[in-house]
Protein backbone atom coordinates (compact mmCIF):
# COMPACT_ATOMS: atom_id res chain seq x y z
CA MET A 1 -26.43 24.29 -16.89
CA PHE A 2 -23.03 25.64 -17.93
CA LYS A 3 -22.35 26.04 -21.63
CA LYS A 4 -18.68 25.15 -21.24
CA VAL A 5 -16.70 23.34 -18.53
CA LEU A 6 -12.92 23.27 -18.06
CA ILE A 7 -11.65 19.95 -16.71
CA ALA A 8 -8.57 20.58 -14.55
CA ASN A 9 -7.37 16.99 -14.69
CA ARG A 10 -6.13 14.23 -16.97
CA GLY A 11 -6.52 10.51 -17.72
CA GLU A 12 -9.62 8.44 -17.17
CA ILE A 13 -11.35 10.92 -14.86
CA ALA A 14 -11.05 13.65 -17.51
CA ILE A 15 -12.83 11.36 -19.97
CA ARG A 16 -15.46 10.46 -17.36
CA ILE A 17 -16.23 14.14 -16.69
CA ALA A 18 -16.24 14.93 -20.42
CA ARG A 19 -18.89 12.26 -20.98
CA ALA A 20 -21.11 13.76 -18.30
CA CYS A 21 -20.66 17.21 -19.81
CA ARG A 22 -21.66 15.91 -23.22
CA ASP A 23 -24.76 14.28 -21.76
CA LEU A 24 -25.74 17.63 -20.25
CA GLY A 25 -25.03 19.58 -23.42
CA ALA A 26 -21.89 21.37 -22.19
CA ALA A 27 -18.76 21.88 -24.28
CA VAL A 28 -15.51 20.52 -22.87
CA VAL A 29 -12.23 22.37 -22.37
CA ALA A 30 -9.19 20.22 -21.58
CA VAL A 31 -5.77 21.21 -20.32
CA TYR A 32 -2.53 19.28 -20.67
CA SER A 33 1.12 19.25 -19.72
CA ASP A 34 3.99 18.79 -22.14
CA VAL A 35 3.98 15.09 -21.24
CA ASP A 36 0.28 14.72 -22.13
CA ARG A 37 0.37 16.39 -25.54
CA ASP A 38 -0.88 13.20 -27.24
CA ALA A 39 -2.85 11.71 -24.31
CA PRO A 40 -6.11 9.91 -25.18
CA TYR A 41 -8.32 12.10 -22.96
CA LEU A 42 -7.68 15.10 -25.22
CA ASP A 43 -9.71 13.43 -27.97
CA TRP A 44 -12.81 14.02 -25.81
CA ALA A 45 -12.34 17.78 -25.65
CA ASP A 46 -13.87 20.45 -27.86
CA GLU A 47 -10.88 22.65 -27.04
CA ALA A 48 -7.53 21.84 -25.42
CA TYR A 49 -4.91 24.21 -24.06
CA ALA A 50 -1.29 23.72 -23.04
CA LEU A 51 -0.42 24.38 -19.42
CA GLY A 52 3.29 23.93 -20.02
CA GLY A 53 5.78 21.98 -17.95
CA ARG A 54 6.27 18.30 -17.26
CA THR A 55 5.70 18.07 -13.52
CA SER A 56 2.40 18.35 -11.67
CA ALA A 57 3.58 21.56 -9.99
CA GLU A 58 4.24 23.16 -13.36
CA SER A 59 0.95 22.07 -14.89
CA TYR A 60 -2.04 20.50 -13.13
CA LEU A 61 -1.26 22.22 -9.83
CA ASN A 62 -0.73 25.62 -11.44
CA ILE A 63 -3.84 27.50 -10.28
CA ALA A 64 -2.97 30.77 -11.98
CA ARG A 65 -2.50 29.08 -15.34
CA ILE A 66 -5.72 27.07 -15.03
CA ILE A 67 -7.73 30.20 -14.23
CA GLU A 68 -6.07 31.99 -17.16
CA VAL A 69 -7.10 29.20 -19.55
CA ALA A 70 -10.64 29.10 -18.14
CA ARG A 71 -11.06 32.82 -18.78
CA ARG A 72 -9.51 32.64 -22.22
CA SER A 73 -11.75 29.77 -23.28
CA ASN A 74 -14.89 31.40 -21.81
CA ALA A 75 -15.57 28.39 -19.60
CA GLY A 76 -18.28 28.88 -17.01
CA ALA A 77 -17.06 26.28 -14.54
CA VAL A 78 -13.98 24.32 -13.49
CA HIS A 79 -14.26 20.64 -12.56
CA PRO A 80 -11.16 19.42 -10.67
CA GLY A 81 -11.85 15.65 -10.81
CA TYR A 82 -9.93 13.77 -8.11
CA GLY A 83 -6.34 14.24 -7.01
CA PHE A 84 -4.34 17.33 -8.05
CA LEU A 85 -6.43 20.39 -7.04
CA SER A 86 -9.68 18.56 -6.30
CA GLU A 87 -9.56 19.43 -2.59
CA SER A 88 -7.91 22.82 -2.94
CA ALA A 89 -9.63 25.66 -1.13
CA ALA A 90 -7.24 27.97 -2.97
CA LEU A 91 -8.61 26.85 -6.35
CA ALA A 92 -12.20 27.21 -5.12
CA ARG A 93 -11.46 30.78 -4.04
CA ALA A 94 -9.57 31.59 -7.23
CA CYS A 95 -12.56 30.42 -9.27
CA ALA A 96 -14.91 32.64 -7.24
CA ASP A 97 -12.60 35.63 -7.65
CA ALA A 98 -12.51 35.06 -11.41
CA GLY A 99 -16.30 34.74 -11.71
CA LEU A 100 -16.09 30.99 -12.34
CA ILE A 101 -18.00 28.17 -10.67
CA PHE A 102 -15.93 25.57 -8.85
CA VAL A 103 -17.60 22.16 -9.23
CA GLY A 104 -17.34 21.11 -5.62
CA PRO A 105 -18.04 22.32 -2.09
CA SER A 106 -17.21 25.75 -0.74
CA ALA A 107 -13.66 26.72 0.17
CA GLN A 108 -14.76 26.87 3.81
CA ALA A 109 -16.10 23.30 3.73
CA ILE A 110 -12.91 22.06 2.10
CA GLU A 111 -10.80 23.71 4.79
CA ARG A 112 -12.86 22.43 7.70
CA MET A 113 -12.95 18.84 6.45
CA GLY A 114 -9.52 18.74 4.79
CA ASP A 115 -7.55 19.42 7.97
CA LYS A 116 -7.64 16.21 9.98
CA VAL A 117 -7.28 17.93 13.36
CA ALA A 118 -10.12 20.35 12.53
CA SER A 119 -12.33 17.55 11.19
CA ARG A 120 -11.77 15.50 14.37
CA LYS A 121 -12.97 18.48 16.42
CA LEU A 122 -16.04 18.75 14.22
CA ALA A 123 -16.72 15.01 14.64
CA ILE A 124 -16.63 15.46 18.42
CA GLU A 125 -19.01 18.43 18.20
CA THR A 126 -21.48 16.49 16.05
CA GLY A 127 -21.31 13.26 18.06
CA VAL A 128 -19.67 11.17 15.36
CA PRO A 129 -17.67 8.21 16.80
CA LEU A 130 -13.90 8.68 16.81
CA LEU A 131 -10.90 6.58 17.72
CA PRO A 132 -8.94 7.95 20.69
CA GLY A 133 -6.44 10.53 19.48
CA VAL A 134 -4.37 13.54 20.44
CA GLY A 135 -3.00 16.43 18.48
CA PRO A 136 -1.38 18.27 17.17
CA VAL A 137 1.63 16.58 18.76
CA GLU A 138 4.91 18.44 19.08
CA SER A 139 7.19 15.70 20.36
CA ALA A 140 7.69 11.96 20.61
CA THR A 141 7.13 12.28 24.37
CA GLU A 142 3.48 13.23 23.77
CA VAL A 143 3.03 10.20 21.50
CA LEU A 144 4.63 7.88 24.05
CA ARG A 145 2.35 9.24 26.76
CA PHE A 146 -0.69 8.66 24.54
CA ALA A 147 0.48 5.10 23.77
CA ASP A 148 0.95 4.35 27.47
CA GLU A 149 -2.73 5.15 27.97
CA HIS A 150 -4.23 3.61 24.81
CA GLY A 151 -1.68 1.00 23.76
CA TYR A 152 0.06 0.14 20.49
CA PRO A 153 -0.02 0.34 17.54
CA VAL A 154 -0.34 4.13 17.18
CA ALA A 155 -0.98 5.92 13.89
CA LEU A 156 0.90 9.17 13.25
CA LYS A 157 -1.01 11.20 10.68
CA ALA A 158 -0.28 14.43 8.85
CA ALA A 159 -3.10 16.87 9.60
CA ALA A 160 -3.37 17.85 5.94
CA GLY A 161 -2.62 14.37 4.61
CA GLY A 162 -4.76 11.93 2.72
CA GLY A 163 -4.67 8.95 0.39
CA GLY A 164 -2.07 7.18 2.52
CA ARG A 165 0.47 10.00 2.40
CA GLY A 166 1.66 11.36 5.71
CA LEU A 167 0.55 8.21 7.56
CA ARG A 168 2.95 6.08 9.57
CA VAL A 169 2.29 3.42 12.21
CA ALA A 170 4.41 2.85 15.32
CA HIS A 171 4.07 -0.68 16.72
CA SER A 172 6.40 -0.10 19.66
CA PRO A 173 8.12 2.75 21.53
CA ASP A 174 11.25 2.21 19.42
CA GLU A 175 9.34 3.16 16.26
CA VAL A 176 7.76 6.39 17.51
CA ASP A 177 10.60 8.79 16.68
CA ALA A 178 11.04 7.57 13.10
CA SER A 179 7.27 7.37 12.43
CA LEU A 180 6.68 10.87 13.75
CA GLU A 181 9.53 12.31 11.71
CA THR A 182 8.39 10.60 8.50
CA ALA A 183 4.77 11.74 8.95
CA ARG A 184 5.99 15.31 9.50
CA ARG A 185 8.30 15.19 6.50
CA GLU A 186 5.62 13.87 4.15
CA GLY A 187 3.08 16.37 5.49
CA ALA A 188 5.45 19.24 4.74
CA LEU A 189 6.57 17.83 1.40
CA TYR A 190 3.19 17.00 -0.10
CA PHE A 191 0.76 19.27 1.71
CA GLY A 192 2.92 22.15 2.93
CA ASN A 193 1.92 21.40 6.53
CA PRO A 194 4.10 19.42 8.95
CA THR A 195 1.41 19.25 11.66
CA VAL A 196 0.87 15.69 12.94
CA TYR A 197 -1.60 14.07 15.30
CA ALA A 198 -1.66 10.63 16.93
CA GLU A 199 -4.51 8.15 16.89
CA ARG A 200 -5.09 4.58 18.05
CA PHE A 201 -4.51 2.27 15.11
CA LEU A 202 -6.84 -0.64 14.35
CA ASN A 203 -4.97 -3.67 13.06
CA ASP A 204 -7.42 -5.18 10.57
CA PRO A 205 -10.71 -3.27 10.37
CA LYS A 206 -13.03 -2.91 7.43
CA HIS A 207 -12.67 0.37 5.51
CA VAL A 208 -16.19 1.51 4.63
CA GLU A 209 -17.21 4.86 3.18
CA ILE A 210 -20.55 6.63 2.73
CA GLN A 211 -21.31 8.46 -0.50
CA LEU A 212 -23.02 11.84 -0.06
CA MET A 213 -24.48 14.33 -2.52
CA GLY A 214 -25.56 17.85 -1.62
CA ASP A 215 -27.47 20.23 -3.86
CA ALA A 216 -27.45 24.02 -4.08
CA LEU A 217 -30.53 24.27 -1.84
CA GLY A 218 -28.79 22.65 1.12
CA ASP A 219 -30.38 19.23 0.81
CA ILE A 220 -27.92 16.38 1.32
CA ILE A 221 -28.62 12.71 0.67
CA ALA A 222 -26.68 9.54 1.49
CA LEU A 223 -26.28 6.98 -1.29
CA GLY A 224 -25.12 3.94 0.63
CA GLU A 225 -21.70 2.56 1.32
CA ARG A 226 -18.65 1.17 -0.43
CA ASP A 227 -16.29 -1.38 1.11
CA CYS A 228 -12.70 -0.41 0.24
CA SER A 229 -10.83 -2.85 2.47
CA VAL A 230 -8.57 -4.42 -0.19
CA GLN A 231 -5.59 -2.08 0.01
CA ARG A 232 -1.85 -2.00 -0.44
CA ARG A 233 0.08 0.53 1.64
CA HIS A 234 -3.17 2.27 2.59
CA GLN A 235 -4.10 2.62 -1.11
CA LYS A 236 -7.33 1.08 -2.36
CA LEU A 237 -7.22 -1.64 -5.02
CA ILE A 238 -10.74 -3.14 -5.03
CA GLU A 239 -14.03 -1.54 -3.98
CA GLU A 240 -17.55 -2.89 -3.83
CA SER A 241 -21.09 -1.87 -2.97
CA PRO A 242 -22.97 -2.74 -0.89
CA GLY A 243 -20.48 -3.76 1.80
CA PRO A 244 -20.69 -7.55 2.17
CA THR A 245 -20.78 -7.34 5.99
CA VAL A 246 -22.76 -4.11 6.42
CA ALA A 247 -26.15 -4.84 7.98
CA PRO A 248 -29.08 -2.42 7.44
CA ASP A 249 -28.88 -1.01 10.97
CA LEU A 250 -25.13 -0.34 10.65
CA ARG A 251 -25.68 1.33 7.28
CA GLU A 252 -28.34 3.58 8.77
CA ARG A 253 -26.12 4.59 11.68
CA MET A 254 -23.16 5.33 9.40
CA GLU A 255 -25.28 7.34 6.98
CA THR A 256 -26.73 9.36 9.86
CA ALA A 257 -23.25 10.14 11.19
CA ALA A 258 -21.98 11.12 7.73
CA LEU A 259 -24.94 13.42 7.15
CA ARG A 260 -24.39 15.14 10.51
CA LEU A 261 -20.84 16.03 9.49
CA ALA A 262 -21.84 17.26 6.04
CA GLU A 263 -24.73 19.34 7.35
CA ALA A 264 -22.42 21.00 9.89
CA VAL A 265 -20.36 22.52 7.06
CA MET A 266 -23.34 23.14 4.71
CA TYR A 267 -21.86 20.72 2.21
CA SER A 268 -22.74 20.74 -1.50
CA GLY A 269 -21.69 18.44 -4.32
CA ALA A 270 -20.19 14.97 -4.10
CA GLY A 271 -18.37 13.95 -0.94
CA THR A 272 -17.41 10.80 0.91
CA VAL A 273 -17.14 10.18 4.64
CA GLU A 274 -14.80 7.31 5.45
CA PHE A 275 -15.03 5.05 8.50
CA LEU A 276 -13.12 2.16 10.02
CA VAL A 277 -15.46 -0.65 11.09
CA GLU A 278 -14.71 -3.32 13.68
CA PRO A 279 -16.12 -6.87 13.46
CA GLY A 280 -18.65 -6.16 16.20
CA GLY A 281 -20.15 -3.24 14.27
CA GLY A 282 -18.35 -0.39 16.01
CA PHE A 283 -17.35 2.32 13.53
CA TYR A 284 -15.05 5.33 13.75
CA PHE A 285 -14.68 8.46 11.62
CA LEU A 286 -11.52 8.42 9.51
CA GLU A 287 -11.76 11.40 7.15
CA MET A 288 -13.97 13.16 4.62
CA ASN A 289 -12.99 13.47 0.97
CA THR A 290 -14.46 16.64 -0.46
CA ARG A 291 -14.47 15.47 -4.09
CA ILE A 292 -15.59 12.73 -6.42
CA GLN A 293 -13.87 9.44 -5.57
CA VAL A 294 -11.98 7.10 -7.89
CA GLU A 295 -14.42 4.35 -6.90
CA HIS A 296 -17.64 6.30 -7.57
CA PRO A 297 -18.75 3.97 -10.44
CA VAL A 298 -19.76 1.14 -8.09
CA THR A 299 -22.34 3.44 -6.49
CA GLU A 300 -23.52 4.55 -9.93
CA LEU A 301 -24.15 0.96 -11.02
CA VAL A 302 -25.96 -0.01 -7.83
CA ARG A 303 -28.07 3.17 -7.62
CA GLY A 304 -28.60 3.73 -11.36
CA CYS A 305 -27.34 7.32 -11.33
CA ASP A 306 -24.60 9.57 -12.73
CA LEU A 307 -22.73 11.11 -9.79
CA VAL A 308 -20.61 13.38 -12.00
CA ALA A 309 -23.70 14.80 -13.71
CA MET A 310 -25.26 15.31 -10.29
CA GLN A 311 -22.10 17.21 -9.26
CA LEU A 312 -22.36 19.48 -12.29
CA LEU A 313 -26.08 20.14 -11.79
CA ALA A 314 -25.56 20.91 -8.10
CA ALA A 315 -22.83 23.41 -8.98
CA ALA A 316 -25.13 24.99 -11.56
CA GLY A 317 -27.93 25.30 -8.99
CA GLU A 318 -30.17 22.93 -10.92
CA PRO A 319 -32.07 19.88 -9.63
CA ALA A 320 -30.98 16.36 -10.49
CA ASP A 321 -33.18 13.31 -10.90
CA PRO A 322 -33.26 11.35 -7.62
CA PRO A 323 -31.21 8.13 -7.73
CA GLY A 324 -32.96 4.79 -7.67
CA GLU A 325 -33.06 2.36 -4.79
CA ALA A 326 -30.02 0.14 -4.32
CA ARG A 327 -30.15 -2.86 -6.63
CA GLY A 328 -27.70 -5.72 -7.01
CA HIS A 329 -23.97 -5.64 -6.33
CA ALA A 330 -21.03 -3.87 -8.01
CA ILE A 331 -17.27 -4.42 -7.79
CA GLU A 332 -14.43 -2.25 -9.10
CA CYS A 333 -10.83 -3.30 -9.75
CA ARG A 334 -8.23 -0.61 -10.30
CA ILE A 335 -6.05 -1.51 -13.26
CA ASN A 336 -2.78 0.06 -12.16
CA ALA A 337 0.41 0.02 -14.19
CA GLU A 338 2.41 -1.47 -11.36
CA ASP A 339 4.67 -4.45 -10.86
CA ALA A 340 3.02 -6.17 -7.91
CA ALA A 341 5.85 -8.68 -7.56
CA ALA A 342 8.33 -5.81 -7.14
CA GLY A 343 6.52 -4.20 -4.24
CA PHE A 344 3.96 -2.50 -6.50
CA ARG A 345 6.65 -0.51 -8.25
CA PRO A 346 5.04 1.92 -10.73
CA SER A 347 5.63 0.93 -14.34
CA HIS A 348 5.32 2.78 -17.60
CA GLY A 349 6.05 2.41 -21.28
CA ARG A 350 4.19 1.69 -24.50
CA ILE A 351 1.03 -0.42 -24.44
CA THR A 352 1.66 -2.91 -27.24
CA LEU A 353 -1.69 -4.69 -27.04
CA LEU A 354 -4.95 -3.61 -25.42
CA ARG A 355 -8.23 -5.49 -25.52
CA GLU A 356 -10.73 -4.40 -22.90
CA PRO A 357 -13.48 -6.73 -21.66
CA SER A 358 -17.14 -6.14 -22.41
CA GLY A 359 -20.46 -7.93 -22.23
CA PRO A 360 -23.44 -7.80 -19.86
CA GLY A 361 -22.80 -5.90 -16.65
CA VAL A 362 -19.24 -4.85 -17.57
CA ARG A 363 -17.96 -1.26 -17.67
CA VAL A 364 -14.43 0.01 -18.32
CA ASP A 365 -13.45 3.59 -17.45
CA SER A 366 -10.12 3.88 -19.24
CA GLY A 367 -7.59 6.60 -19.89
CA VAL A 368 -5.37 4.66 -22.29
CA ARG A 369 -5.33 3.14 -25.77
CA GLU A 370 -3.20 0.64 -27.64
CA GLY A 371 0.07 2.20 -28.73
CA TYR A 372 -0.06 4.88 -26.02
CA THR A 373 3.01 5.33 -23.85
CA LEU A 374 2.15 5.54 -20.18
CA PRO A 375 4.19 8.42 -18.74
CA ALA A 376 6.31 8.08 -15.63
CA GLU A 377 5.37 11.52 -14.36
CA TYR A 378 1.86 10.81 -13.07
CA ASP A 379 -0.32 8.33 -11.22
CA SER A 380 -0.16 4.66 -12.16
CA LEU A 381 -3.93 4.23 -12.63
CA ALA A 382 -4.54 3.22 -16.25
CA ALA A 383 -8.19 2.15 -16.08
CA LYS A 384 -10.99 0.94 -13.83
CA LEU A 385 -12.90 -2.28 -14.47
CA ILE A 386 -16.38 -2.25 -12.93
CA VAL A 387 -18.99 -5.00 -13.03
CA TRP A 388 -22.57 -5.33 -11.81
CA GLY A 389 -24.45 -8.46 -10.85
CA ARG A 390 -27.81 -9.30 -9.33
CA ASP A 391 -25.97 -10.36 -6.18
CA ARG A 392 -22.38 -10.48 -4.94
CA LYS A 393 -21.75 -13.98 -6.19
CA GLU A 394 -22.76 -13.07 -9.73
CA ALA A 395 -20.72 -9.86 -9.60
CA ARG A 396 -17.60 -11.69 -8.39
CA VAL A 397 -17.84 -14.39 -11.05
CA ARG A 398 -18.49 -11.75 -13.71
CA MET A 399 -15.43 -9.79 -12.57
CA LEU A 400 -13.26 -12.89 -12.87
CA ARG A 401 -14.59 -13.45 -16.38
CA ALA A 402 -13.86 -9.83 -17.31
CA LEU A 403 -10.35 -9.97 -15.84
CA ASN A 404 -9.65 -13.11 -17.86
CA GLU A 405 -10.79 -11.27 -21.01
CA TYR A 406 -8.54 -8.29 -20.33
CA ARG A 407 -5.46 -8.14 -22.57
CA PHE A 408 -2.99 -5.46 -21.52
CA GLU A 409 0.53 -5.99 -22.82
CA GLY A 410 3.51 -3.72 -22.31
CA PRO A 411 3.95 -2.36 -18.78
CA PRO A 412 3.03 -4.83 -16.00
CA THR A 413 -0.36 -4.30 -14.35
CA THR A 414 -2.38 -5.48 -11.37
CA ILE A 415 -4.72 -7.63 -13.49
CA GLU A 416 -3.25 -10.99 -12.46
CA LEU A 417 -3.20 -10.00 -8.79
CA HIS A 418 -6.88 -9.05 -8.97
CA LYS A 419 -7.73 -12.53 -10.28
CA ARG A 420 -5.98 -14.12 -7.33
CA ILE A 421 -7.60 -11.83 -4.78
CA LEU A 422 -11.12 -12.45 -6.12
CA ALA A 423 -10.54 -16.21 -5.92
CA HIS A 424 -9.20 -16.07 -2.35
CA PRO A 425 -11.48 -17.67 0.28
CA GLU A 426 -11.47 -14.52 2.45
CA PHE A 427 -12.65 -12.36 -0.43
CA VAL A 428 -15.24 -14.94 -1.44
CA ALA A 429 -16.57 -14.85 2.13
CA GLY A 430 -16.53 -11.04 2.18
CA THR A 431 -14.47 -10.89 5.37
CA VAL A 432 -11.38 -9.12 4.01
CA GLY A 433 -9.94 -6.37 6.24
CA THR A 434 -7.38 -3.67 5.54
CA ALA A 435 -4.45 -5.94 6.56
CA PHE A 436 -5.49 -8.73 4.18
CA LEU A 437 -3.14 -7.96 1.31
CA GLU A 438 -0.13 -7.30 3.50
CA ARG A 439 -0.75 -10.60 5.29
CA GLU A 440 -1.48 -12.67 2.17
CA ALA A 441 0.92 -10.99 -0.27
CA PRO A 442 3.66 -13.65 0.01
CA ALA A 443 1.24 -16.37 -1.10
CA LEU A 444 -0.61 -14.26 -3.66
CA LEU A 445 2.59 -13.04 -5.31
CA ALA A 446 4.69 -16.18 -4.84
CA ASP A 447 5.11 -17.16 -8.49
CA LEU A 448 4.70 -13.74 -10.12
CA ALA A 449 7.85 -12.71 -11.97
CA VAL A 450 9.42 -9.33 -11.34
CA HIS A 451 9.49 -7.35 -14.58
CA PRO A 452 12.87 -5.86 -15.50
CA VAL A 453 13.16 -2.10 -15.32
CA GLY A 454 13.44 -0.91 -18.89
CA PRO A 455 11.51 -0.44 -22.13
CA ALA A 456 8.08 -2.00 -22.16
CA SER A 457 8.56 -3.54 -25.55
CA SER A 458 11.02 -3.85 -28.38
CA ALA A 459 8.27 -4.25 -30.95
CA PRO A 460 8.08 -1.51 -33.58
CA GLU A 461 5.13 0.83 -33.48
CA ARG A 462 2.40 0.21 -35.97
CA ARG A 463 2.40 2.43 -39.03
CA THR A 464 -0.53 3.56 -41.12
CA GLN A 465 -0.71 5.77 -44.18
CA ALA A 466 -2.45 8.50 -42.22
CA ARG A 467 -1.00 10.05 -39.11
CA SER A 468 -2.15 12.66 -36.64
CA VAL A 469 0.02 15.66 -35.91
CA ILE A 470 -0.50 17.79 -32.83
CA VAL A 471 -0.25 21.51 -33.58
CA GLU A 472 -0.28 24.28 -30.99
CA VAL A 473 -1.41 27.78 -31.99
CA ASN A 474 -1.13 30.35 -29.19
CA ASP A 475 -1.06 27.47 -26.68
CA ARG A 476 -4.31 26.00 -28.04
CA ARG A 477 -4.05 22.42 -29.22
CA PHE A 478 -5.29 21.21 -32.59
CA ALA A 479 -5.13 17.64 -33.88
CA VAL A 480 -4.36 17.64 -37.60
CA ARG A 481 -4.57 14.47 -39.69
CA VAL A 482 -1.76 14.17 -42.28
CA TYR A 483 -1.62 11.62 -45.08
CA ASP A 484 1.82 10.38 -46.12
CA ASP A 485 2.40 10.50 -49.89
CA GLN A 486 5.94 9.55 -50.84
CA ALA A 487 5.09 9.56 -54.55
CA ALA A 488 4.28 13.25 -54.24
CA GLY A 489 7.62 13.93 -52.64
CA VAL A 490 6.50 13.99 -49.02
CA ALA A 491 8.87 11.97 -46.88
CA ALA A 492 7.36 9.44 -44.52
CA PRO A 493 8.00 10.19 -40.85
CA GLU A 494 10.78 8.28 -39.16
CA SER A 495 9.44 5.64 -36.82
CA ARG A 496 9.98 6.55 -33.20
CA LYS A 497 12.47 4.26 -31.56
CA PRO A 498 10.67 1.98 -29.13
CA GLY A 499 11.19 2.84 -25.52
CA LEU A 500 12.57 6.33 -26.24
CA ALA A 501 10.38 7.90 -23.58
CA VAL A 502 10.43 4.88 -21.33
CA ARG A 503 12.20 4.29 -18.01
CA PRO A 504 15.90 3.76 -18.72
CA SER A 505 17.53 0.41 -18.21
CA ARG A 506 18.84 -0.34 -14.74
CA SER A 507 22.39 0.91 -14.16
CA SER A 508 24.90 -1.85 -14.82
CA ALA A 509 27.82 -2.80 -12.61
CA GLY A 510 30.20 -1.28 -15.17
CA ASP A 511 28.63 2.17 -14.89
CA ALA A 512 29.80 4.61 -12.24
CA THR A 513 26.47 6.46 -12.23
CA LEU A 514 23.37 5.06 -10.56
CA LEU A 515 20.33 6.40 -12.43
CA SER A 516 16.88 6.89 -10.95
CA PRO A 517 14.49 4.17 -12.19
CA LEU A 518 11.48 6.41 -11.55
CA GLN A 519 10.35 9.98 -11.03
CA GLY A 520 9.36 11.03 -7.55
CA ALA A 521 10.38 12.81 -4.39
CA VAL A 522 13.50 11.90 -2.45
CA LEU A 523 12.44 11.10 1.11
CA SER A 524 15.87 10.25 2.52
CA VAL A 525 19.49 9.80 1.44
CA HIS A 526 21.57 7.13 3.17
CA VAL A 527 25.05 7.62 1.70
CA GLU A 528 27.59 10.45 1.49
CA PRO A 529 30.74 11.12 -0.53
CA GLY A 530 33.65 8.95 0.56
CA GLN A 531 31.44 6.21 1.99
CA SER A 532 32.13 2.62 0.93
CA VAL A 533 29.10 0.63 -0.25
CA SER A 534 28.38 -2.87 -1.45
CA ARG A 535 26.01 -3.89 -4.20
CA GLY A 536 22.49 -3.94 -2.73
CA ASP A 537 23.14 -1.38 0.02
CA LEU A 538 20.43 1.22 0.54
CA VAL A 539 21.31 4.50 -1.23
CA CYS A 540 18.11 6.51 -0.91
CA VAL A 541 14.33 6.25 -0.65
CA ILE A 542 12.17 7.75 -3.40
CA GLU A 543 8.43 8.20 -3.03
CA ALA A 544 6.51 7.65 -6.25
CA MET A 545 2.79 7.05 -6.72
CA LYS A 546 2.29 7.19 -2.93
CA MET A 547 4.76 4.36 -2.36
CA GLU A 548 8.26 4.37 -0.94
CA ASN A 549 10.89 2.74 -3.16
CA GLU A 550 14.29 1.75 -1.77
CA ILE A 551 17.04 2.45 -4.30
CA GLN A 552 20.02 0.17 -3.85
CA ALA A 553 23.66 0.43 -4.91
CA HIS A 554 24.28 -1.26 -8.25
CA LYS A 555 27.93 -2.09 -7.55
CA ASP A 556 30.63 -2.25 -4.89
CA GLY A 557 32.82 0.81 -4.43
CA ALA A 558 33.22 4.22 -2.87
CA VAL A 559 30.65 6.99 -3.30
CA SER A 560 32.34 9.87 -5.11
CA ALA A 561 29.30 12.14 -5.54
CA VAL A 562 25.68 12.40 -4.42
CA HIS A 563 23.33 14.19 -6.83
CA VAL A 564 20.04 14.06 -4.89
CA GLN A 565 18.77 15.72 -1.73
CA ALA A 566 16.02 14.75 0.69
CA GLY A 567 12.87 16.77 0.18
CA LEU A 568 13.55 17.54 -3.48
CA PRO A 569 12.18 15.83 -6.61
CA VAL A 570 14.21 13.52 -8.83
CA ALA A 571 13.52 12.96 -12.51
CA LEU A 572 13.32 9.64 -14.30
CA GLY A 573 16.82 8.68 -15.46
CA ALA A 574 18.51 11.41 -13.42
CA PRO A 575 21.82 10.55 -11.71
CA ILE A 576 21.52 9.64 -8.03
CA VAL A 577 25.10 8.85 -7.02
CA GLU A 578 28.50 8.13 -8.52
CA ILE A 579 30.21 4.96 -7.28
CA GLY A 580 33.84 4.45 -8.20
């Protein structure tokens, strides 16, 4: 086993990996951006190094800098977690070139399974069921021809996309042009590849995935399924295992298909093959994720294993204890800092009160603490609440109890929405499909108040006699504890003004400048200088946390200047337009 592992990630997954490293006797090296200088996950590291920069591109996506830190710290391996560089063949190759072990599959396996067009070809070669599709497509005419043969709706997917990005659905011929253009734009913007393919779209299937684990000797095992059908905008919110409608014969057929794909690329480490499942039991290959998944804890609770430790041991070429047989039922709820009533708008700010649930069968994988300010720069996932029960009924009731215990004050979260979903008759029956939340959202969110955009709290931060000061020496981070002693002539630190690093207040009608309420990428701009607008008119669309947010004019008037451009990032609080 490695003596030291660098974790090229942040938040709750960095803590989860650090725990597995500790269990295996490995030291932990963390990295952090300027935004994350005081993030909770750094407390789990034996060493922590600054990457520099505020954006993902400047920090957690900076391969050269990560390799430099790994060498400097004498780490033996790099674990990418999920997101960021977790499915980067370039990072896997850079690790190999630097004499480091990449905790994941080979660069070749990542490339073959990461490109959706290539993975579809492999599925055909291995006899894995697929939805009808065509691609890459070069024009709307090709999509229209495909739709004439297979019908609507049609999904337009970026070949390098994933996690809901680069996916658009055309329900009629009139929507094909716009859907194709958006899928291309997002593919180029987020994955550097504008290639798109078309596929028949299922309206309300189950989304079921198979967990795989391959070792260094070429042996691959399947560890059952997870049902991930509760989604918003193609993003998972609740996952459970086993799937409530997955019969033993269907499970066996899906596991066999997943193993065929993995064996074809000589897969090693943790991976997940995702399928869409129709009510009659027909299933179709969707994609393979060549990394650990956000929802991996539900499999761990049902199978009594540590998937992250198994990843590390596989990368080290060492055997892992075989997992146990499936037992009971597990459910996970993603605790996202999002305002569900405002279209799941990402939120941030200081957490003024945090009390996490506990008790029998309850697990919380968290990346936050009370008093911590959730940054606007990164993903909205704050924590994951996972429960286990002897059967699904017990697990569901236990989850409701745990959600009712959860106290999370400051930025709005998805906790209340989770309570309502778990009490919904369709969820109770286990029949929820991927269109459930979109269909039921009006009723589920009917009386939820939209939180104002602005500081999370006006309450002063708590003060203690002792305080921690973060010191950087040659880019290495040290946490130093300082005790205030005014009697000795040491001045007490000035309290930070609440909300200083929080999303600015919404632009008022008296201001000429419309400020961005979030950080993200500008997908489209709908105004130009000289154009007259009314309050509420669409100004631009900003993608943040995998969701599109329509930014509206805050006043009537004429646009005198436009400060943003499609395809480029926009910072929190940055000017968007001037309206006179």
